[in-house]
Each structure stands twice: as structure tokens, then as C-alpha cells.
Amino acid sequence: MLVYQSAVTLDEGRIDRALHSMCKYYAGEVCNDVVRKCLQVFGGYGYCKDYPIERIYRDAKITEIFDGTAEIHKVIISKEMGVR
């Protein structure tokens, strides 16, 4: 729902920085959690280039830093909430 709400605001021509930051931050966190758990299934083989999970793990990690780091998104969200 967070992604859909973010897309609706963009379609309407509105920019809600806090909402978009929440969306990016949450999606990146969920992506990394899922991939990390999947990597656990493969054990040490998950780090070998012979298995696609190795590439997926590298790709998932970039979501934490691409288009603003997770820390920047946290700052934007906290400012919107009025937290110092």
C-alpha cells in the first residue's frame, strides 16, 4: 500500500518527500531481509559466483545506498514527523 500511495501522489503531480522516503526505505529493508534469509539457505555456497543468489545479494545491497542512503531517508522521515 505504501508503494501504491506513493505512486498515486506522483500521478497527481504531488511530491510528498516523507512518503517517498518511507517507501524507498521500507522497500530496501524488506528486499535485504528476504535476500539475507534466502542466502542462509545456501550457506557458504551463497557467496560463490556459481549460484545466482550471489548476484541477487549484491543487487539487494545497492538498494540501501542507491537514490539516497537509508540514513538520509530516516532523517527526511523524522523531520516530517517533527522529531529532532
N, C-alpha and C. Protein backbone atom coordinates (compact mmCIF):
# COMPACT_ATOMS: atom_id res chain seq x y z
N MET A 1 0.82 -1.20 0.00
CA MET A 1 0.00 0.00 0.00
C MET A 1 0.87 1.26 0.00
N LEU A 2 2.00 1.16 0.63
CA LEU A 2 2.90 2.31 0.67
C LEU A 2 3.39 2.67 -0.73
N VAL A 3 3.72 1.67 -1.52
CA VAL A 3 4.17 1.90 -2.90
C VAL A 3 3.04 2.50 -3.73
N TYR A 4 1.85 1.92 -3.59
CA TYR A 4 0.70 2.42 -4.36
C TYR A 4 0.37 3.87 -3.99
N GLN A 5 0.40 4.19 -2.70
CA GLN A 5 0.11 5.55 -2.26
C GLN A 5 1.15 6.53 -2.80
N SER A 6 2.40 6.10 -2.80
CA SER A 6 3.46 6.93 -3.35
C SER A 6 3.26 7.16 -4.84
N ALA A 7 2.88 6.11 -5.56
CA ALA A 7 2.63 6.24 -7.00
C ALA A 7 1.44 7.15 -7.29
N VAL A 8 0.39 7.05 -6.47
CA VAL A 8 -0.79 7.89 -6.66
C VAL A 8 -0.44 9.36 -6.50
N THR A 9 0.36 9.67 -5.48
CA THR A 9 0.73 11.08 -5.28
C THR A 9 1.56 11.60 -6.45
N LEU A 10 2.42 10.76 -6.99
CA LEU A 10 3.21 11.19 -8.16
C LEU A 10 2.33 11.36 -9.38
N ASP A 11 1.36 10.46 -9.56
CA ASP A 11 0.44 10.59 -10.69
C ASP A 11 -0.38 11.87 -10.61
N GLU A 12 -0.69 12.29 -9.39
CA GLU A 12 -1.46 13.52 -9.19
C GLU A 12 -0.58 14.76 -9.28
N GLY A 13 0.71 14.56 -9.46
CA GLY A 13 1.62 15.69 -9.59
C GLY A 13 2.10 16.25 -8.27
N ARG A 14 1.82 15.55 -7.18
CA ARG A 14 2.27 16.00 -5.86
C ARG A 14 3.55 15.28 -5.49
N ILE A 15 4.41 15.96 -4.78
CA ILE A 15 5.64 15.34 -4.28
C ILE A 15 5.58 15.36 -2.76
N ASP A 16 5.50 14.19 -2.18
CA ASP A 16 5.48 14.04 -0.73
C ASP A 16 6.80 13.37 -0.34
N ARG A 17 7.78 14.19 0.00
CA ARG A 17 9.12 13.66 0.27
C ARG A 17 9.13 12.61 1.36
N ALA A 18 8.37 12.82 2.41
CA ALA A 18 8.36 11.86 3.51
C ALA A 18 7.77 10.53 3.06
N LEU A 19 6.66 10.57 2.33
CA LEU A 19 6.03 9.34 1.86
C LEU A 19 6.96 8.58 0.92
N HIS A 20 7.60 9.29 0.00
CA HIS A 20 8.50 8.64 -0.94
C HIS A 20 9.72 8.07 -0.22
N SER A 21 10.21 8.77 0.79
CA SER A 21 11.33 8.27 1.57
C SER A 21 10.95 7.03 2.36
N MET A 22 9.73 7.03 2.93
CA MET A 22 9.26 5.84 3.64
C MET A 22 9.19 4.65 2.70
N CYS A 23 8.70 4.89 1.51
CA CYS A 23 8.55 3.83 0.52
C CYS A 23 9.92 3.26 0.13
N LYS A 24 10.86 4.12 -0.18
CA LYS A 24 12.19 3.67 -0.58
C LYS A 24 12.90 2.95 0.55
N TYR A 25 12.82 3.51 1.74
CA TYR A 25 13.49 2.91 2.89
C TYR A 25 12.90 1.53 3.21
N TYR A 26 11.59 1.44 3.28
CA TYR A 26 10.94 0.18 3.64
C TYR A 26 11.18 -0.89 2.58
N ALA A 27 11.07 -0.52 1.32
CA ALA A 27 11.28 -1.49 0.24
C ALA A 27 12.71 -2.03 0.26
N GLY A 28 13.66 -1.16 0.50
CA GLY A 28 15.05 -1.60 0.59
C GLY A 28 15.29 -2.53 1.76
N GLU A 29 14.69 -2.22 2.90
CA GLU A 29 14.85 -3.06 4.08
C GLU A 29 14.24 -4.44 3.87
N VAL A 30 13.04 -4.48 3.33
CA VAL A 30 12.37 -5.76 3.09
C VAL A 30 13.15 -6.59 2.08
N CYS A 31 13.60 -5.95 1.02
CA CYS A 31 14.38 -6.64 0.00
C CYS A 31 15.62 -7.28 0.61
N ASN A 32 16.34 -6.53 1.41
CA ASN A 32 17.55 -7.06 2.03
C ASN A 32 17.25 -8.17 3.03
N ASP A 33 16.18 -8.06 3.79
CA ASP A 33 15.81 -9.11 4.73
C ASP A 33 15.50 -10.41 4.01
N VAL A 34 14.74 -10.32 2.93
CA VAL A 34 14.36 -11.52 2.19
C VAL A 34 15.59 -12.18 1.58
N VAL A 35 16.45 -11.39 0.95
CA VAL A 35 17.63 -11.94 0.31
C VAL A 35 18.59 -12.53 1.35
N ARG A 36 18.74 -11.87 2.48
CA ARG A 36 19.61 -12.39 3.54
C ARG A 36 19.12 -13.74 4.04
N LYS A 37 17.80 -13.88 4.20
CA LYS A 37 17.25 -15.16 4.65
C LYS A 37 17.42 -16.24 3.60
N CYS A 38 17.27 -15.86 2.35
CA CYS A 38 17.47 -16.80 1.25
C CYS A 38 18.93 -17.24 1.19
N LEU A 39 19.83 -16.32 1.42
CA LEU A 39 21.25 -16.63 1.40
C LEU A 39 21.59 -17.64 2.50
N GLN A 40 20.91 -17.56 3.62
CA GLN A 40 21.13 -18.52 4.71
C GLN A 40 20.84 -19.95 4.28
N VAL A 41 19.87 -20.12 3.39
CA VAL A 41 19.52 -21.45 2.90
C VAL A 41 20.71 -22.05 2.13
N PHE A 42 21.41 -21.22 1.36
CA PHE A 42 22.53 -21.69 0.56
C PHE A 42 23.81 -21.86 1.38
N GLY A 43 23.86 -21.25 2.54
CA GLY A 43 25.06 -21.34 3.36
C GLY A 43 26.25 -20.70 2.66
N GLY A 44 27.41 -21.34 2.74
CA GLY A 44 28.63 -20.82 2.13
C GLY A 44 28.56 -20.77 0.61
N TYR A 45 27.76 -21.64 0.03
CA TYR A 45 27.62 -21.65 -1.43
C TYR A 45 26.95 -20.36 -1.93
N GLY A 46 26.23 -19.69 -1.08
CA GLY A 46 25.55 -18.47 -1.48
C GLY A 46 26.50 -17.35 -1.88
N TYR A 47 27.75 -17.46 -1.47
CA TYR A 47 28.75 -16.45 -1.82
C TYR A 47 29.55 -16.82 -3.07
N CYS A 48 29.30 -18.00 -3.63
CA CYS A 48 30.00 -18.44 -4.84
C CYS A 48 29.31 -17.87 -6.08
N LYS A 49 30.10 -17.50 -7.05
CA LYS A 49 29.53 -16.93 -8.28
C LYS A 49 28.77 -17.97 -9.10
N ASP A 50 28.87 -19.24 -8.74
CA ASP A 50 28.16 -20.30 -9.46
C ASP A 50 26.65 -20.25 -9.22
N TYR A 51 26.24 -19.58 -8.16
CA TYR A 51 24.83 -19.54 -7.80
C TYR A 51 24.28 -18.12 -7.99
N PRO A 52 23.07 -18.01 -8.53
CA PRO A 52 22.50 -16.67 -8.78
C PRO A 52 22.25 -15.86 -7.51
N ILE A 53 22.15 -16.51 -6.36
CA ILE A 53 21.87 -15.78 -5.12
C ILE A 53 23.00 -14.80 -4.81
N GLU A 54 24.21 -15.09 -5.25
CA GLU A 54 25.35 -14.19 -5.00
C GLU A 54 25.12 -12.85 -5.69
N ARG A 55 24.67 -12.87 -6.94
CA ARG A 55 24.38 -11.64 -7.68
C ARG A 55 23.17 -10.93 -7.08
N ILE A 56 22.17 -11.69 -6.72
CA ILE A 56 20.96 -11.11 -6.13
C ILE A 56 21.30 -10.41 -4.82
N TYR A 57 22.18 -11.02 -4.04
CA TYR A 57 22.59 -10.41 -2.77
C TYR A 57 23.30 -9.08 -3.02
N ARG A 58 24.21 -9.05 -4.00
CA ARG A 58 24.90 -7.79 -4.33
C ARG A 58 23.91 -6.73 -4.82
N ASP A 59 22.97 -7.15 -5.64
CA ASP A 59 21.98 -6.20 -6.17
C ASP A 59 21.08 -5.66 -5.06
N ALA A 60 20.76 -6.50 -4.10
CA ALA A 60 19.89 -6.07 -3.00
C ALA A 60 20.61 -5.07 -2.10
N LYS A 61 21.90 -5.26 -1.88
CA LYS A 61 22.65 -4.35 -1.02
C LYS A 61 22.68 -2.92 -1.58
N ILE A 62 22.65 -2.79 -2.89
CA ILE A 62 22.71 -1.45 -3.50
C ILE A 62 21.45 -0.66 -3.19
N THR A 63 20.35 -1.31 -2.86
CA THR A 63 19.13 -0.57 -2.54
C THR A 63 19.28 0.26 -1.28
N GLU A 64 20.25 -0.09 -0.45
CA GLU A 64 20.49 0.68 0.77
C GLU A 64 21.17 2.01 0.49
N ILE A 65 21.89 2.09 -0.62
CA ILE A 65 22.63 3.33 -0.90
C ILE A 65 22.17 4.04 -2.16
N PHE A 66 21.46 3.36 -3.03
CA PHE A 66 21.02 3.97 -4.28
C PHE A 66 19.90 4.97 -4.01
N ASP A 67 19.94 6.10 -4.68
CA ASP A 67 18.92 7.15 -4.57
C ASP A 67 18.79 7.66 -3.13
N GLY A 68 19.91 7.88 -2.50
CA GLY A 68 19.91 8.37 -1.12
C GLY A 68 20.08 7.21 -0.16
N THR A 69 20.95 7.38 0.79
CA THR A 69 21.19 6.29 1.73
C THR A 69 20.00 6.12 2.66
N ALA A 70 19.95 4.97 3.30
CA ALA A 70 18.87 4.70 4.25
C ALA A 70 18.88 5.73 5.38
N GLU A 71 20.06 6.18 5.77
CA GLU A 71 20.16 7.17 6.84
C GLU A 71 19.54 8.51 6.42
N ILE A 72 19.73 8.90 5.18
CA ILE A 72 19.13 10.15 4.69
C ILE A 72 17.62 10.03 4.69
N HIS A 73 17.11 8.88 4.28
CA HIS A 73 15.66 8.68 4.29
C HIS A 73 15.10 8.74 5.71
N LYS A 74 15.84 8.20 6.66
CA LYS A 74 15.41 8.27 8.06
C LYS A 74 15.34 9.72 8.54
N VAL A 75 16.31 10.54 8.12
CA VAL A 75 16.32 11.95 8.51
C VAL A 75 15.11 12.67 7.92
N ILE A 76 14.83 12.42 6.65
CA ILE A 76 13.68 13.06 5.99
C ILE A 76 12.38 12.67 6.68
N ILE A 77 12.24 11.39 6.99
CA ILE A 77 11.01 10.89 7.65
C ILE A 77 10.88 11.50 9.05
N SER A 78 11.98 11.54 9.80
CA SER A 78 11.90 12.07 11.15
C SER A 78 11.60 13.56 11.16
N LYS A 79 12.13 14.31 10.20
CA LYS A 79 11.82 15.75 10.12
C LYS A 79 10.34 15.96 9.86
N GLU A 80 9.77 15.13 8.98
CA GLU A 80 8.35 15.24 8.66
C GLU A 80 7.49 14.92 9.89
N MET A 81 7.99 14.03 10.74
CA MET A 81 7.25 13.64 11.94
C MET A 81 7.47 14.64 13.09
N GLY A 82 8.40 15.56 12.89
CA GLY A 82 8.67 16.54 13.93
C GLY A 82 9.67 16.10 14.96
N VAL A 83 10.40 15.04 14.68
CA VAL A 83 11.41 14.51 15.61
C VAL A 83 12.72 15.21 15.32
N ARG A 84 13.41 15.58 16.37
CA ARG A 84 14.71 16.24 16.19
C ARG A 84 15.83 15.25 16.26
